[in-house]
């Protein structure tokens, strides 16, 4: 068994916003898949960059690194079809976050 990342990215929001991503987002996705559930990991980090693309400072934001992974015997590229279903399941949770919450998740099929 090995852990393979499906997605990697960030979630951020203003420090004054009362929002707890670990309560709003599921810890597991796509239960019942042949490979077992995908696990969503949220780790609070320092802002990974000083400014957003529009020049706004990131210092007033809380940042979380988001990793979606699965434990499997398969090779990373064999899991490509799984990313669509996991993405579809996660999207409604992200869309339901309060105004001011941003995220960027990119497919990242690599062994951890």
N, C-alpha and C. Protein backbone atom coordinates (compact mmCIF):
# COMPACT_ATOMS: atom_id res chain seq x y z
N UNK A 1 0.85 -1.19 0.00
CA UNK A 1 0.00 0.00 0.00
C UNK A 1 0.88 1.24 0.00
N UNK A 2 0.47 2.23 -0.76
CA UNK A 2 1.18 3.50 -0.78
C UNK A 2 0.15 4.62 -0.83
N UNK A 3 0.56 5.79 -0.40
CA UNK A 3 -0.31 6.97 -0.46
C UNK A 3 0.01 7.73 -1.75
N UNK A 4 -1.05 8.10 -2.47
CA UNK A 4 -0.89 8.85 -3.71
C UNK A 4 -1.77 10.09 -3.61
N UNK A 5 -1.16 11.25 -3.89
CA UNK A 5 -1.91 12.50 -3.91
C UNK A 5 -2.75 12.55 -5.18
N UNK A 6 -4.00 13.01 -5.01
CA UNK A 6 -4.85 13.27 -6.16
C UNK A 6 -4.87 14.77 -6.46
N UNK A 7 -4.94 15.57 -5.38
CA UNK A 7 -4.96 17.03 -5.50
C UNK A 7 -4.09 17.64 -4.42
N UNK A 8 -3.54 18.80 -4.72
CA UNK A 8 -2.74 19.59 -3.77
C UNK A 8 -3.06 21.05 -4.02
N UNK A 9 -3.15 21.82 -2.96
CA UNK A 9 -3.41 23.24 -3.16
C UNK A 9 -3.58 23.98 -1.85
N UNK A 10 -4.30 25.10 -1.92
CA UNK A 10 -4.47 25.98 -0.77
C UNK A 10 -5.92 26.40 -0.63
N UNK A 11 -6.28 26.72 0.61
CA UNK A 11 -7.54 27.34 0.94
C UNK A 11 -7.19 28.50 1.86
N UNK A 12 -7.82 29.66 1.67
CA UNK A 12 -7.49 30.83 2.49
C UNK A 12 -8.73 31.67 2.73
N UNK A 13 -8.67 32.49 3.78
CA UNK A 13 -9.78 33.38 4.12
C UNK A 13 -9.28 34.41 5.12
N UNK A 14 -9.99 35.54 5.22
CA UNK A 14 -9.57 36.59 6.17
C UNK A 14 -9.56 36.07 7.61
N UNK A 15 -8.56 36.49 8.36
CA UNK A 15 -8.42 36.05 9.75
C UNK A 15 -9.66 36.33 10.58
N UNK A 16 -10.36 37.42 10.30
CA UNK A 16 -11.52 37.79 11.10
C UNK A 16 -12.77 36.97 10.76
N UNK A 17 -12.73 36.21 9.68
CA UNK A 17 -13.87 35.39 9.29
C UNK A 17 -13.96 34.17 10.22
N UNK A 18 -15.12 33.98 10.82
CA UNK A 18 -15.31 32.82 11.68
C UNK A 18 -15.65 31.63 10.81
N UNK A 19 -14.64 30.86 10.48
CA UNK A 19 -14.79 29.71 9.59
C UNK A 19 -13.75 28.67 9.97
N UNK A 20 -14.18 27.45 10.14
CA UNK A 20 -13.27 26.36 10.44
C UNK A 20 -13.35 25.32 9.33
N UNK A 21 -12.36 25.32 8.45
CA UNK A 21 -12.42 24.41 7.30
C UNK A 21 -12.50 22.94 7.69
N UNK A 22 -11.89 22.57 8.82
CA UNK A 22 -11.93 21.17 9.22
C UNK A 22 -13.33 20.73 9.63
N UNK A 23 -14.20 21.70 9.96
CA UNK A 23 -15.58 21.38 10.28
C UNK A 23 -16.47 21.46 9.03
N UNK A 24 -16.10 22.29 8.07
CA UNK A 24 -16.92 22.52 6.89
C UNK A 24 -16.66 21.53 5.75
N UNK A 25 -15.47 20.97 5.72
CA UNK A 25 -15.11 20.05 4.64
C UNK A 25 -14.99 18.63 5.17
N UNK A 26 -15.37 17.64 4.37
CA UNK A 26 -15.32 16.25 4.85
C UNK A 26 -13.88 15.74 4.96
N UNK A 27 -13.66 14.85 5.89
CA UNK A 27 -12.34 14.24 6.05
C UNK A 27 -12.11 13.15 5.01
N UNK A 28 -13.20 12.57 4.51
CA UNK A 28 -13.11 11.51 3.50
C UNK A 28 -14.08 11.81 2.36
N UNK A 29 -13.68 11.40 1.18
CA UNK A 29 -14.48 11.61 -0.03
C UNK A 29 -14.60 10.30 -0.79
N UNK A 30 -15.68 10.19 -1.54
CA UNK A 30 -15.88 9.05 -2.45
C UNK A 30 -15.76 7.72 -1.72
N UNK A 31 -16.45 7.61 -0.60
CA UNK A 31 -16.45 6.34 0.11
C UNK A 31 -17.07 5.27 -0.77
N UNK A 32 -16.55 4.09 -0.67
CA UNK A 32 -17.08 3.00 -1.47
C UNK A 32 -16.35 2.80 -2.78
N UNK A 33 -15.35 3.65 -3.07
CA UNK A 33 -14.55 3.42 -4.27
C UNK A 33 -13.75 2.14 -4.09
N UNK A 34 -13.39 1.52 -5.18
CA UNK A 34 -12.63 0.27 -5.12
C UNK A 34 -11.33 0.44 -4.34
N UNK A 35 -10.73 1.62 -4.43
CA UNK A 35 -9.47 1.86 -3.74
C UNK A 35 -9.66 2.34 -2.29
N UNK A 36 -10.91 2.48 -1.86
CA UNK A 36 -11.17 3.03 -0.54
C UNK A 36 -11.37 4.53 -0.65
N UNK A 37 -11.69 5.18 0.46
CA UNK A 37 -11.98 6.61 0.40
C UNK A 37 -10.73 7.45 0.13
N UNK A 38 -10.96 8.61 -0.44
CA UNK A 38 -9.90 9.61 -0.57
C UNK A 38 -9.92 10.43 0.72
N UNK A 39 -8.77 10.75 1.23
CA UNK A 39 -8.65 11.49 2.49
C UNK A 39 -8.30 12.94 2.20
N UNK A 40 -9.01 13.85 2.85
CA UNK A 40 -8.76 15.28 2.69
C UNK A 40 -8.00 15.76 3.92
N UNK A 41 -6.79 16.24 3.71
CA UNK A 41 -5.95 16.72 4.80
C UNK A 41 -5.86 18.24 4.72
N UNK A 42 -6.06 18.90 5.85
CA UNK A 42 -5.99 20.36 5.95
C UNK A 42 -4.96 20.72 7.01
N UNK A 43 -3.92 21.40 6.60
CA UNK A 43 -2.86 21.81 7.52
C UNK A 43 -2.70 23.31 7.44
N UNK A 44 -2.91 23.99 8.58
CA UNK A 44 -2.73 25.44 8.59
C UNK A 44 -1.25 25.76 8.42
N UNK A 45 -0.98 26.71 7.54
CA UNK A 45 0.39 27.10 7.22
C UNK A 45 0.50 28.63 7.19
N UNK A 46 1.73 29.10 7.20
CA UNK A 46 1.96 30.53 6.95
C UNK A 46 1.66 30.79 5.48
N UNK A 47 1.21 32.00 5.15
CA UNK A 47 0.96 32.28 3.73
C UNK A 47 2.19 31.91 2.89
N UNK A 48 1.99 31.13 1.83
CA UNK A 48 3.12 30.67 1.01
C UNK A 48 3.68 31.75 0.08
N UNK A 49 3.01 32.90 0.01
CA UNK A 49 3.50 34.01 -0.81
C UNK A 49 3.04 35.29 -0.13
N UNK A 50 3.73 36.38 -0.39
CA UNK A 50 3.48 37.64 0.31
C UNK A 50 2.26 38.40 -0.23
N UNK A 51 1.96 38.23 -1.52
CA UNK A 51 0.88 38.99 -2.15
C UNK A 51 0.10 38.08 -3.08
N UNK A 52 -1.20 38.39 -3.22
CA UNK A 52 -2.00 37.74 -4.25
C UNK A 52 -1.65 38.39 -5.60
N UNK A 53 -2.13 37.80 -6.69
CA UNK A 53 -1.82 38.31 -8.03
C UNK A 53 -2.23 39.76 -8.23
N UNK A 54 -3.28 40.20 -7.53
CA UNK A 54 -3.73 41.59 -7.68
C UNK A 54 -2.97 42.57 -6.78
N UNK A 55 -1.96 42.07 -6.06
CA UNK A 55 -1.15 42.93 -5.20
C UNK A 55 -1.61 43.02 -3.77
N UNK A 56 -2.74 42.40 -3.43
CA UNK A 56 -3.25 42.40 -2.06
C UNK A 56 -2.33 41.57 -1.17
N UNK A 57 -1.90 42.12 -0.02
CA UNK A 57 -1.06 41.33 0.90
C UNK A 57 -1.80 40.12 1.46
N UNK A 58 -1.09 39.06 1.69
CA UNK A 58 -1.69 37.83 2.23
C UNK A 58 -1.61 37.77 3.75
N UNK A 59 -0.94 38.71 4.38
CA UNK A 59 -0.70 38.64 5.82
C UNK A 59 -1.97 38.63 6.66
N UNK A 60 -3.08 39.14 6.16
CA UNK A 60 -4.33 39.16 6.90
C UNK A 60 -5.19 37.92 6.68
N UNK A 61 -4.62 36.91 6.07
CA UNK A 61 -5.37 35.69 5.72
C UNK A 61 -4.86 34.49 6.52
N UNK A 62 -5.76 33.56 6.79
CA UNK A 62 -5.36 32.24 7.29
C UNK A 62 -5.26 31.34 6.06
N UNK A 63 -4.19 30.58 5.99
CA UNK A 63 -3.95 29.68 4.86
C UNK A 63 -3.90 28.24 5.35
N UNK A 64 -4.47 27.36 4.55
CA UNK A 64 -4.40 25.93 4.81
C UNK A 64 -3.88 25.25 3.55
N UNK A 65 -2.93 24.34 3.74
CA UNK A 65 -2.53 23.48 2.62
C UNK A 65 -3.56 22.36 2.56
N UNK A 66 -4.05 22.09 1.38
CA UNK A 66 -5.07 21.06 1.17
C UNK A 66 -4.44 19.94 0.35
N UNK A 67 -4.54 18.73 0.86
CA UNK A 67 -4.05 17.56 0.16
C UNK A 67 -5.16 16.52 0.13
N UNK A 68 -5.44 15.99 -1.04
CA UNK A 68 -6.40 14.90 -1.17
C UNK A 68 -5.60 13.69 -1.63
N UNK A 69 -5.65 12.63 -0.82
CA UNK A 69 -4.86 11.45 -1.17
C UNK A 69 -5.66 10.19 -0.96
N UNK A 70 -5.17 9.13 -1.54
CA UNK A 70 -5.80 7.82 -1.42
C UNK A 70 -4.69 6.80 -1.15
N UNK A 71 -5.02 5.78 -0.38
CA UNK A 71 -4.08 4.66 -0.16
C UNK A 71 -4.44 3.58 -1.16
N UNK A 72 -3.43 3.12 -1.89
CA UNK A 72 -3.70 2.21 -3.00
C UNK A 72 -2.47 1.38 -3.34
N UNK A 73 -2.71 0.35 -4.10
CA UNK A 73 -1.62 -0.46 -4.67
C UNK A 73 -1.29 0.03 -6.08
N UNK A 74 -2.17 0.85 -6.66
CA UNK A 74 -2.02 1.29 -8.04
C UNK A 74 -0.94 2.36 -8.18
N UNK A 75 -0.48 2.52 -9.41
CA UNK A 75 0.47 3.58 -9.71
C UNK A 75 -0.29 4.90 -9.86
N UNK A 76 0.36 6.02 -9.59
CA UNK A 76 -0.34 7.31 -9.63
C UNK A 76 -1.14 7.58 -10.90
N UNK A 77 -0.57 7.34 -12.06
CA UNK A 77 -1.28 7.66 -13.30
C UNK A 77 -2.50 6.78 -13.54
N UNK A 78 -2.55 5.61 -12.89
CA UNK A 78 -3.72 4.75 -13.00
C UNK A 78 -4.93 5.34 -12.28
N UNK A 79 -4.69 6.32 -11.41
CA UNK A 79 -5.77 6.93 -10.61
C UNK A 79 -6.41 8.14 -11.29
N UNK A 80 -5.96 8.49 -12.47
CA UNK A 80 -6.50 9.64 -13.19
C UNK A 80 -8.03 9.62 -13.25
N UNK A 81 -8.68 8.50 -13.57
CA UNK A 81 -10.15 8.49 -13.63
C UNK A 81 -10.79 8.81 -12.27
N UNK A 82 -10.13 8.54 -11.19
CA UNK A 82 -10.66 8.79 -9.86
C UNK A 82 -10.76 10.29 -9.55
N UNK A 83 -9.90 11.09 -10.17
CA UNK A 83 -9.88 12.52 -9.83
C UNK A 83 -11.20 13.21 -10.18
N UNK A 84 -11.86 12.81 -11.24
CA UNK A 84 -13.12 13.45 -11.63
C UNK A 84 -14.20 13.23 -10.58
N UNK A 85 -14.36 12.00 -10.10
CA UNK A 85 -15.41 11.74 -9.12
C UNK A 85 -15.10 12.41 -7.78
N UNK A 86 -13.85 12.42 -7.38
CA UNK A 86 -13.47 13.08 -6.13
C UNK A 86 -13.70 14.58 -6.25
N UNK A 87 -13.33 15.16 -7.38
CA UNK A 87 -13.54 16.58 -7.60
C UNK A 87 -15.03 16.94 -7.56
N UNK A 88 -15.86 16.13 -8.20
CA UNK A 88 -17.30 16.37 -8.21
C UNK A 88 -17.89 16.29 -6.80
N UNK A 89 -17.37 15.40 -5.98
CA UNK A 89 -17.88 15.27 -4.61
C UNK A 89 -17.42 16.43 -3.73
N UNK A 90 -16.21 16.91 -3.94
CA UNK A 90 -15.67 17.99 -3.12
C UNK A 90 -16.23 19.36 -3.50
N UNK A 91 -16.54 19.57 -4.77
CA UNK A 91 -16.96 20.88 -5.26
C UNK A 91 -18.13 21.50 -4.49
N UNK A 92 -19.20 20.78 -4.19
CA UNK A 92 -20.31 21.41 -3.45
C UNK A 92 -19.89 21.93 -2.07
N UNK A 93 -18.97 21.24 -1.42
CA UNK A 93 -18.48 21.71 -0.13
C UNK A 93 -17.72 23.02 -0.28
N UNK A 94 -16.88 23.10 -1.31
CA UNK A 94 -16.12 24.34 -1.54
C UNK A 94 -17.06 25.47 -1.94
N UNK A 95 -18.04 25.19 -2.78
CA UNK A 95 -18.99 26.22 -3.20
C UNK A 95 -19.84 26.73 -2.05
N UNK A 96 -20.02 25.91 -1.00
CA UNK A 96 -20.84 26.30 0.15
C UNK A 96 -20.07 27.08 1.21
N UNK A 97 -18.78 27.29 0.99
CA UNK A 97 -18.00 28.05 1.98
C UNK A 97 -18.46 29.51 1.97
N UNK A 98 -18.26 30.21 3.08
CA UNK A 98 -18.69 31.61 3.15
C UNK A 98 -17.96 32.51 2.15
N UNK A 99 -18.58 33.64 1.86
CA UNK A 99 -17.94 34.64 1.01
C UNK A 99 -16.62 35.05 1.65
N UNK A 100 -15.59 35.18 0.85
CA UNK A 100 -14.27 35.54 1.36
C UNK A 100 -13.32 34.36 1.43
N UNK A 101 -13.85 33.14 1.30
CA UNK A 101 -13.01 31.94 1.29
C UNK A 101 -12.57 31.69 -0.15
N UNK A 102 -11.27 31.53 -0.33
CA UNK A 102 -10.73 31.21 -1.64
C UNK A 102 -10.01 29.88 -1.61
N UNK A 103 -9.86 29.28 -2.76
CA UNK A 103 -9.13 28.03 -2.84
C UNK A 103 -8.55 27.86 -4.22
N UNK A 104 -7.50 27.07 -4.26
CA UNK A 104 -6.87 26.68 -5.51
C UNK A 104 -6.37 25.26 -5.31
N UNK A 105 -6.96 24.31 -6.02
CA UNK A 105 -6.56 22.92 -5.95
C UNK A 105 -6.20 22.45 -7.35
N UNK A 106 -5.07 21.81 -7.44
CA UNK A 106 -4.60 21.31 -8.73
C UNK A 106 -4.38 19.81 -8.65
N UNK A 107 -4.70 19.13 -9.74
CA UNK A 107 -4.45 17.69 -9.80
C UNK A 107 -2.95 17.46 -9.62
N UNK A 108 -2.61 16.45 -8.81
CA UNK A 108 -1.21 16.21 -8.50
C UNK A 108 -1.04 14.70 -8.25
N UNK A 109 -0.98 13.93 -9.30
CA UNK A 109 -0.89 12.48 -9.19
C UNK A 109 0.54 12.04 -8.91
N UNK A 110 0.89 12.10 -7.63
CA UNK A 110 2.24 11.68 -7.23
C UNK A 110 2.17 10.89 -5.94
N UNK A 111 3.08 9.95 -5.81
CA UNK A 111 3.19 9.18 -4.57
C UNK A 111 3.75 10.08 -3.48
N UNK A 112 3.20 9.93 -2.28
CA UNK A 112 3.66 10.72 -1.13
C UNK A 112 4.87 10.06 -0.53
